[in-house]
PDB file of N, CA and C in Angstrom:
ATOM      1  N   UNK A   1      43.683 119.464  19.803  1.00  0.00           N
ATOM      2  CA  UNK A   1      42.676 119.876  20.540  1.00  0.00           C
ATOM      3  C   UNK A   1      41.780 118.854  21.171  1.00  0.00           C
ATOM      4  N   UNK A   2      41.591 118.799  22.350  1.00  0.00           N
ATOM      5  CA  UNK A   2      40.849 117.714  22.980  1.00  0.00           C
ATOM      6  C   UNK A   2      39.209 118.027  22.756  1.00  0.00           C
ATOM      7  N   UNK A   3      38.601 117.007  22.736  1.00  0.00           N
ATOM      8  CA  UNK A   3      37.130 117.190  22.611  1.00  0.00           C
ATOM      9  C   UNK A   3      36.427 116.423  23.805  1.00  0.00           C
ATOM     10  N   UNK A   4      35.276 116.877  24.236  1.00  0.00           N
ATOM     11  CA  UNK A   4      34.483 116.259  25.256  1.00  0.00           C
ATOM     12  C   UNK A   4      33.113 116.065  24.670  1.00  0.00           C
ATOM     13  N   UNK A   5      32.451 114.935  24.994  1.00  0.00           N
ATOM     14  CA  UNK A   5      31.087 114.730  24.450  1.00  0.00           C
ATOM     15  C   UNK A   5      30.141 114.781  25.716  1.00  0.00           C
ATOM     16  N   UNK A   6      29.144 115.633  25.566  1.00  0.00           N
ATOM     17  CA  UNK A   6      28.118 115.741  26.620  1.00  0.00           C
ATOM     18  C   UNK A   6      27.071 114.664  26.315  1.00  0.00           C
ATOM     19  N   UNK A   7      26.635 114.028  27.433  1.00  0.00           N
ATOM     20  CA  UNK A   7      25.574 112.997  27.197  1.00  0.00           C
ATOM     21  C   UNK A   7      24.558 113.350  28.323  1.00  0.00           C
ATOM     22  N   UNK A   8      23.260 113.095  28.034  1.00  0.00           N
ATOM     23  CA  UNK A   8      22.191 113.160  29.048  1.00  0.00           C
ATOM     24  C   UNK A   8      21.666 111.813  29.164  1.00  0.00           C
ATOM     25  N   UNK A   9      21.480 111.323  30.364  1.00  0.00           N
ATOM     26  CA  UNK A   9      20.850 110.023  30.567  1.00  0.00           C
ATOM     27  C   UNK A   9      19.537 110.150  31.314  1.00  0.00           C
ATOM     28  N   UNK A  10      18.583 109.415  30.988  1.00  0.00           N
ATOM     29  CA  UNK A  10      17.213 109.342  31.555  1.00  0.00           C
ATOM     30  C   UNK A  10      16.847 107.864  31.750  1.00  0.00           C
ATOM     31  N   UNK A  11      16.320 107.665  32.870  1.00  0.00           N
ATOM     32  CA  UNK A  11      15.879 106.226  33.178  1.00  0.00           C
ATOM     33  C   UNK A  11      14.474 106.007  32.794  1.00  0.00           C
ATOM     34  N   UNK A  12      14.134 105.110  31.884  1.00  0.00           N
ATOM     35  CA  UNK A  12      12.766 104.740  31.480  1.00  0.00           C
ATOM     36  C   UNK A  12      12.746 103.227  31.496  1.00  0.00           C
ATOM     37  N   UNK A  13      11.722 102.697  32.188  1.00  0.00           N
ATOM     38  CA  UNK A  13      11.467 101.150  32.333  1.00  0.00           C
ATOM     39  C   UNK A  13      12.685 100.452  32.718  1.00  0.00           C
ATOM     40  N   UNK A  14      13.547 101.018  33.636  1.00  0.00           N
ATOM     41  CA  UNK A  14      14.669 100.341  34.017  1.00  0.00           C
ATOM     42  C   UNK A  14      15.819 100.369  33.150  1.00  0.00           C
ATOM     43  N   UNK A  15      15.578 101.046  31.970  1.00  0.00           N
ATOM     44  CA  UNK A  15      16.856 101.288  31.123  1.00  0.00           C
ATOM     45  C   UNK A  15      17.257 102.684  30.929  1.00  0.00           C
ATOM     46  N   UNK A  16      18.424 102.909  30.691  1.00  0.00           N
ATOM     47  CA  UNK A  16      18.958 104.308  30.534  1.00  0.00           C
ATOM     48  C   UNK A  16      19.126 104.559  28.978  1.00  0.00           C
ATOM     49  N   UNK A  17      18.672 105.717  28.602  1.00  0.00           N
ATOM     50  CA  UNK A  17      18.861 106.094  27.183  1.00  0.00           C
ATOM     51  C   UNK A  17      19.930 107.232  27.225  1.00  0.00           C
ATOM     52  N   UNK A  18      20.771 107.127  26.297  1.00  0.00           N
ATOM     53  CA  UNK A  18      21.836 108.172  26.282  1.00  0.00           C
ATOM     54  C   UNK A  18      21.520 109.033  25.003  1.00  0.00           C
ATOM     55  N   UNK A  19      21.310 110.301  25.081  1.00  0.00           N
ATOM     56  CA  UNK A  19      21.198 111.197  24.059  1.00  0.00           C
ATOM     57  C   UNK A  19      22.540 111.917  23.910  1.00  0.00           C
ATOM     58  N   UNK A  20      23.013 111.882  22.687  1.00  0.00           N
ATOM     59  CA  UNK A  20      24.266 112.540  22.350  1.00  0.00           C
ATOM     60  C   UNK A  20      24.056 114.030  22.175  1.00  0.00           C
ATOM     61  N   UNK A  21      24.887 114.802  22.763  1.00  0.00           N
ATOM     62  CA  UNK A  21      24.926 116.309  22.580  1.00  0.00           C
ATOM     63  C   UNK A  21      26.029 116.656  21.602  1.00  0.00           C
ATOM     64  N   UNK A  22      26.000 117.777  21.063  1.00  0.00           N
ATOM     65  CA  UNK A  22      27.125 118.252  20.272  1.00  0.00           C
ATOM     66  C   UNK A  22      28.460 118.187  20.868  1.00  0.00           C
ATOM     67  N   UNK A  23      29.512 117.911  20.117  1.00  0.00           N
ATOM     68  CA  UNK A  23      30.895 117.929  20.559  1.00  0.00           C
ATOM     69  C   UNK A  23      31.248 119.307  20.995  1.00  0.00           C
ATOM     70  N   UNK A  24      31.846 119.424  22.185  1.00  0.00           N
ATOM     71  CA  UNK A  24      32.189 120.788  22.617  1.00  0.00           C
ATOM     72  C   UNK A  24      33.811 120.788  22.730  1.00  0.00           C
ATOM     73  N   UNK A  25      34.511 121.697  21.979  1.00  0.00           N
ATOM     74  CA  UNK A  25      35.925 121.706  22.170  1.00  0.00           C
ATOM     75  C   UNK A  25      36.428 122.237  23.409  1.00  0.00           C
ATOM     76  N   UNK A  26      37.417 121.674  23.965  1.00  0.00           N
ATOM     77  CA  UNK A  26      38.016 122.134  25.221  1.00  0.00           C
ATOM     78  C   UNK A  26      39.321 122.688  24.873  1.00  0.00           C
ATOM     79  N   UNK A  27      39.501 123.985  25.185  1.00  0.00           N
ATOM     80  CA  UNK A  27      40.780 124.678  24.833  1.00  0.00           C
ATOM     81  C   UNK A  27      41.249 125.407  26.058  1.00  0.00           C
ATOM     82  N   UNK A  28      42.482 125.617  26.119  1.00  0.00           N
ATOM     83  CA  UNK A  28      43.011 126.432  27.192  1.00  0.00           C
ATOM     84  C   UNK A  28      42.824 127.907  26.727  1.00  0.00           C
ATOM     85  N   UNK A  29      42.098 128.581  27.595  1.00  0.00           N
ATOM     86  CA  UNK A  29      41.892 129.964  27.215  1.00  0.00           C
ATOM     87  C   UNK A  29      42.729 130.955  27.995  1.00  0.00           C
ATOM     88  N   UNK A  30      43.469 130.343  28.982  1.00  0.00           N
ATOM     89  CA  UNK A  30      44.418 131.117  29.755  1.00  0.00           C
ATOM     90  C   UNK A  30      45.627 131.401  28.878  1.00  0.00           C
ATOM     91  N   UNK A  31      45.964 132.634  28.475  1.00  0.00           N
ATOM     92  CA  UNK A  31      47.099 132.939  27.731  1.00  0.00           C
ATOM     93  C   UNK A  31      47.918 133.909  28.500  1.00  0.00           C
ATOM     94  N   UNK A  32      49.090 134.024  28.155  1.00  0.00           N
ATOM     95  CA  UNK A  32      50.043 134.942  28.837  1.00  0.00           C
ATOM     96  C   UNK A  32      49.623 136.369  28.599  1.00  0.00           C
ATOM     97  N   UNK A  33      49.502 137.247  29.526  1.00  0.00           N
ATOM     98  CA  UNK A  33      49.099 138.621  29.361  1.00  0.00           C
ATOM     99  C   UNK A  33      50.201 139.553  29.614  1.00  0.00           C
ATOM    100  N   UNK A  34      50.139 140.675  29.172  1.00  0.00           N
ATOM    101  CA  UNK A  34      50.962 141.769  29.462  1.00  0.00           C
ATOM    102  C   UNK A  34      50.095 143.057  29.765  1.00  0.00           C
ATOM    103  N   UNK A  35      50.564 143.978  30.480  1.00  0.00           N
ATOM    104  CA  UNK A  35      49.874 145.133  31.028  1.00  0.00           C
ATOM    105  C   UNK A  35      50.485 146.410  30.387  1.00  0.00           C
ATOM    106  N   UNK A  36      49.667 147.328  29.874  1.00  0.00           N
ATOM    107  CA  UNK A  36      50.224 148.463  29.282  1.00  0.00           C
ATOM    108  C   UNK A  36      50.686 149.419  30.271  1.00  0.00           C
ATOM    109  N   UNK A  37      51.998 149.960  30.236  1.00  0.00           N
ATOM    110  CA  UNK A  37      52.481 150.929  31.117  1.00  0.00           C
ATOM    111  C   UNK A  37      51.879 152.128  31.181  1.00  0.00           C
ATOM    112  N   UNK A  38      51.166 152.513  30.080  1.00  0.00           N
ATOM    113  CA  UNK A  38      50.506 153.837  29.949  1.00  0.00           C
ATOM    114  C   UNK A  38      49.157 153.947  30.559  1.00  0.00           C
ATOM    115  N   UNK A  39      48.328 152.894  30.364  1.00  0.00           N
ATOM    116  CA  UNK A  39      46.920 152.970  30.759  1.00  0.00           C
ATOM    117  C   UNK A  39      46.452 151.753  31.696  1.00  0.00           C
ATOM    118  N   UNK A  40      47.421 150.781  31.761  1.00  0.00           N
ATOM    119  CA  UNK A  40      47.157 149.580  32.734  1.00  0.00           C
ATOM    120  C   UNK A  40      46.262 148.677  32.028  1.00  0.00           C
ATOM    121  N   UNK A  41      45.913 148.743  30.888  1.00  0.00           N
ATOM    122  CA  UNK A  41      45.037 147.869  30.201  1.00  0.00           C
ATOM    123  C   UNK A  41      45.636 146.473  30.040  1.00  0.00           C
ATOM    124  N   UNK A  42      44.972 145.378  29.842  1.00  0.00           N
ATOM    125  CA  UNK A  42      45.552 144.121  29.766  1.00  0.00           C
ATOM    126  C   UNK A  42      45.538 143.692  28.233  1.00  0.00           C
ATOM    127  N   UNK A  43      46.730 143.233  27.840  1.00  0.00           N
ATOM    128  CA  UNK A  43      46.876 142.777  26.430  1.00  0.00           C
ATOM    129  C   UNK A  43      47.409 141.355  26.406  1.00  0.00           C
ATOM    130  N   UNK A  44      47.380 140.672  25.298  1.00  0.00           N
ATOM    131  CA  UNK A  44      47.914 139.326  25.302  1.00  0.00           C
ATOM    132  C   UNK A  44      49.269 139.251  24.667  1.00  0.00           C
ATOM    133  N   UNK A  45      50.036 138.275  25.133  1.00  0.00           N
ATOM    134  CA  UNK A  45      51.455 138.241  24.666  1.00  0.00           C
ATOM    135  C   UNK A  45      51.487 138.043  23.167  1.00  0.00           C
ATOM    136  N   UNK A  46      52.397 138.751  22.524  1.00  0.00           N
ATOM    137  CA  UNK A  46      52.390 138.766  21.128  1.00  0.00           C
ATOM    138  C   UNK A  46      51.802 139.959  20.416  1.00  0.00           C
ATOM    139  N   UNK A  47      50.988 140.781  21.058  1.00  0.00           N
ATOM    140  CA  UNK A  47      50.390 142.016  20.654  1.00  0.00           C
ATOM    141  C   UNK A  47      51.442 142.975  20.862  1.00  0.00           C
ATOM    142  N   UNK A  48      51.554 143.869  19.822  1.00  0.00           N
ATOM    143  CA  UNK A  48      52.709 144.911  19.768  1.00  0.00           C
ATOM    144  C   UNK A  48      52.236 146.168  20.400  1.00  0.00           C
ATOM    145  N   UNK A  49      50.890 146.530  20.305  1.00  0.00           N
ATOM    146  CA  UNK A  49      50.326 147.788  20.759  1.00  0.00           C
ATOM    147  C   UNK A  49      49.132 147.580  21.580  1.00  0.00           C
ATOM    148  N   UNK A  50      48.873 148.518  22.552  1.00  0.00           N
ATOM    149  CA  UNK A  50      47.686 148.500  23.347  1.00  0.00           C
ATOM    150  C   UNK A  50      46.523 148.843  22.589  1.00  0.00           C
ATOM    151  N   UNK A  51      45.405 148.097  22.689  1.00  0.00           N
ATOM    152  CA  UNK A  51      44.138 148.245  21.998  1.00  0.00           C
ATOM    153  C   UNK A  51      43.417 149.502  22.552  1.00  0.00           C
ATOM    154  N   UNK A  52      43.681 149.947  23.799  1.00  0.00           N
ATOM    155  CA  UNK A  52      43.029 151.039  24.373  1.00  0.00           C
ATOM    156  C   UNK A  52      43.665 152.438  24.092  1.00  0.00           C
ATOM    157  N   UNK A  53      44.887 152.513  24.207  1.00  0.00           N
ATOM    158  CA  UNK A  53      45.554 153.884  24.000  1.00  0.00           C
ATOM    159  C   UNK A  53      46.527 153.919  22.912  1.00  0.00           C
ATOM    160  N   UNK A  54      46.963 152.772  22.416  1.00  0.00           N
ATOM    161  CA  UNK A  54      47.824 152.653  21.264  1.00  0.00           C
ATOM    162  C   UNK A  54      49.321 152.719  21.596  1.00  0.00           C
ATOM    163  N   UNK A  55      49.679 152.642  22.865  1.00  0.00           N
ATOM    164  CA  UNK A  55      51.106 152.603  23.403  1.00  0.00           C
ATOM    165  C   UNK A  55      51.664 151.260  23.070  1.00  0.00           C
ATOM    166  N   UNK A  56      52.968 151.254  22.812  1.00  0.00           N
ATOM    167  CA  UNK A  56      53.700 150.049  22.485  1.00  0.00           C
ATOM    168  C   UNK A  56      53.741 149.155  23.774  1.00  0.00           C
ATOM    169  N   UNK A  57      53.348 147.883  23.592  1.00  0.00           N
ATOM    170  CA  UNK A  57      53.517 146.899  24.712  1.00  0.00           C
ATOM    171  C   UNK A  57      54.792 146.254  24.919  1.00  0.00           C
ATOM    172  N   UNK A  58      55.194 145.901  25.963  1.00  0.00           N
ATOM    173  CA  UNK A  58      56.562 145.144  26.168  1.00  0.00           C
ATOM    174  C   UNK A  58      56.510 143.751  25.433  1.00  0.00           C
ATOM    175  N   UNK A  59      57.545 143.469  24.730  1.00  0.00           N
ATOM    176  CA  UNK A  59      57.653 142.094  24.146  1.00  0.00           C
ATOM    177  C   UNK A  59      57.792 140.925  25.287  1.00  0.00           C
ATOM    178  N   UNK A  60      57.289 139.840  24.952  1.00  0.00           N
ATOM    179  CA  UNK A  60      57.507 138.682  25.888  1.00  0.00           C
ATOM    180  C   UNK A  60      58.098 137.603  25.244  1.00  0.00           C
ATOM    181  N   UNK A  61      58.866 136.698  25.992  1.00  0.00           N
ATOM    182  CA  UNK A  61      59.388 135.430  25.496  1.00  0.00           C
ATOM    183  C   UNK A  61      58.425 134.483  25.259  1.00  0.00           C
ATOM    184  N   UNK A  62      58.429 133.754  24.255  1.00  0.00           N
ATOM    185  CA  UNK A  62      57.404 132.658  23.869  1.00  0.00           C
ATOM    186  C   UNK A  62      57.708 131.548  24.780  1.00  0.00           C
ATOM    187  N   UNK A  63      58.878 131.231  25.134  1.00  0.00           N
ATOM    188  CA  UNK A  63      59.353 130.137  25.935  1.00  0.00           C
ATOM    189  C   UNK A  63      58.862 130.340  27.467  1.00  0.00           C
ATOM    190  N   UNK A  64      59.300 131.341  28.080  1.00  0.00           N
ATOM    191  CA  UNK A  64      59.006 131.435  29.522  1.00  0.00           C
ATOM    192  C   UNK A  64      58.026 132.525  29.956  1.00  0.00           C
ATOM    193  N   UNK A  65      57.621 133.440  28.972  1.00  0.00           N
ATOM    194  CA  UNK A  65      56.678 134.521  29.263  1.00  0.00           C
ATOM    195  C   UNK A  65      57.260 135.792  29.863  1.00  0.00           C
ATOM    196  N   UNK A  66      58.589 135.835  30.003  1.00  0.00           N
ATOM    197  CA  UNK A  66      59.167 137.011  30.664  1.00  0.00           C
ATOM    198  C   UNK A  66      59.155 138.164  29.741  1.00  0.00           C
ATOM    199  N   UNK A  67      59.006 139.374  30.433  1.00  0.00           N
ATOM    200  CA  UNK A  67      59.004 140.691  29.569  1.00  0.00           C
ATOM    201  C   UNK A  67      60.448 140.917  28.978  1.00  0.00           C
ATOM    202  N   UNK A  68      60.571 141.275  27.686  1.00  0.00           N
ATOM    203  CA  UNK A  68      61.801 141.596  27.135  1.00  0.00           C
ATOM    204  C   UNK A  68      61.852 143.208  27.001  1.00  0.00           C
ATOM    205  N   UNK A  69      62.746 143.732  27.782  1.00  0.00           N
ATOM    206  CA  UNK A  69      62.759 145.156  27.929  1.00  0.00           C
ATOM    207  C   UNK A  69      63.587 145.832  26.849  1.00  0.00           C
ATOM    208  N   UNK A  70      64.548 145.075  26.346  1.00  0.00           N
ATOM    209  CA  UNK A  70      65.391 145.668  25.302  1.00  0.00           C
ATOM    210  C   UNK A  70      64.772 145.435  23.934  1.00  0.00           C
ATOM    211  N   UNK A  71      64.639 146.589  23.217  1.00  0.00           N
ATOM    212  CA  UNK A  71      63.934 146.557  21.846  1.00  0.00           C
ATOM    213  C   UNK A  71      64.842 145.725  20.836  1.00  0.00           C
ATOM    214  N   UNK A  72      66.128 145.726  20.965  1.00  0.00           N
ATOM    215  CA  UNK A  72      66.915 144.976  19.945  1.00  0.00           C
ATOM    216  C   UNK A  72      67.366 143.579  20.459  1.00  0.00           C
ATOM    217  N   UNK A  73      66.818 143.095  21.514  1.00  0.00           N
ATOM    218  CA  UNK A  73      67.098 141.758  21.956  1.00  0.00           C
ATOM    219  C   UNK A  73      66.835 140.623  21.098  1.00  0.00           C
ATOM    220  N   UNK A  74      67.735 139.688  20.866  1.00  0.00           N
ATOM    221  CA  UNK A  74      67.365 138.547  20.116  1.00  0.00           C
ATOM    222  C   UNK A  74      67.103 137.230  20.896  1.00  0.00           C
ATOM    223  N   UNK A  75      67.568 137.303  22.144  1.00  0.00           N
ATOM    224  CA  UNK A  75      67.341 136.141  23.005  1.00  0.00           C
ATOM    225  C   UNK A  75      66.897 136.681  24.405  1.00  0.00           C
ATOM    226  N   UNK A  76      66.119 135.730  25.072  1.00  0.00           N
ATOM    227  CA  UNK A  76      65.566 136.219  26.323  1.00  0.00           C
ATOM    228  C   UNK A  76      66.669 136.183  27.390  1.00  0.00           C
ATOM    229  N   UNK A  77      66.789 137.179  28.230  1.00  0.00           N
ATOM    230  CA  UNK A  77      67.770 137.246  29.337  1.00  0.00           C
ATOM    231  C   UNK A  77      67.492 136.205  30.463  1.00  0.00           C
ATOM    232  N   UNK A  78      66.294 135.719  30.513  1.00  0.00           N
ATOM    233  CA  UNK A  78      65.812 134.813  31.606  1.00  0.00           C
ATOM    234  C   UNK A  78      66.059 133.346  31.294  1.00  0.00           C
ATOM    235  N   UNK A  79      65.635 132.905  30.162  1.00  0.00           N
ATOM    236  CA  UNK A  79      65.774 131.489  29.634  1.00  0.00           C
ATOM    237  C   UNK A  79      66.719 131.259  28.483  1.00  0.00           C
ATOM    238  N   UNK A  80      67.105 132.298  27.794  1.00  0.00           N
ATOM    239  CA  UNK A  80      67.965 132.193  26.586  1.00  0.00           C
ATOM    240  C   UNK A  80      67.248 131.707  25.333  1.00  0.00           C
ATOM    241  N   UNK A  81      65.857 131.740  25.323  1.00  0.00           N
ATOM    242  CA  UNK A  81      65.083 131.412  24.144  1.00  0.00           C
ATOM    243  C   UNK A  81      65.158 132.553  23.127  1.00  0.00           C
ATOM    244  N   UNK A  82      65.036 132.087  21.901  1.00  0.00           N
ATOM    245  CA  UNK A  82      64.921 132.996  20.731  1.00  0.00           C
ATOM    246  C   UNK A  82      63.801 133.963  20.875  1.00  0.00           C
ATOM    247  N   UNK A  83      63.981 135.221  20.673  1.00  0.00           N
ATOM    248  CA  UNK A  83      62.782 136.247  20.706  1.00  0.00           C
ATOM    249  C   UNK A  83      62.693 136.777  19.243  1.00  0.00           C
ATOM    250  N   UNK A  84      61.653 136.566  18.739  1.00  0.00           N
ATOM    251  CA  UNK A  84      61.478 137.107  17.437  1.00  0.00           C
ATOM    252  C   UNK A  84      61.203 136.280  16.303  1.00  0.00           C
TER     253      UNK A  84
END
């Protein structure tokens, strides 16, 4: 996880003072999403059921993010990655 440090600088008597602020973690919040076919709600990849209506969400490949339509599939039909 990458960290960024915020600093605040102020000029006093020709000098700059640096005041350290708390470390803020930088994370990627963009995750692969899937849409429920029943109610069109948005769910995240890896979730099995819709949080709004309880319908089963389509499985997705961890490698390429493609929807896996076959319930018994062991490999992704798009990239060949292992599903499961």
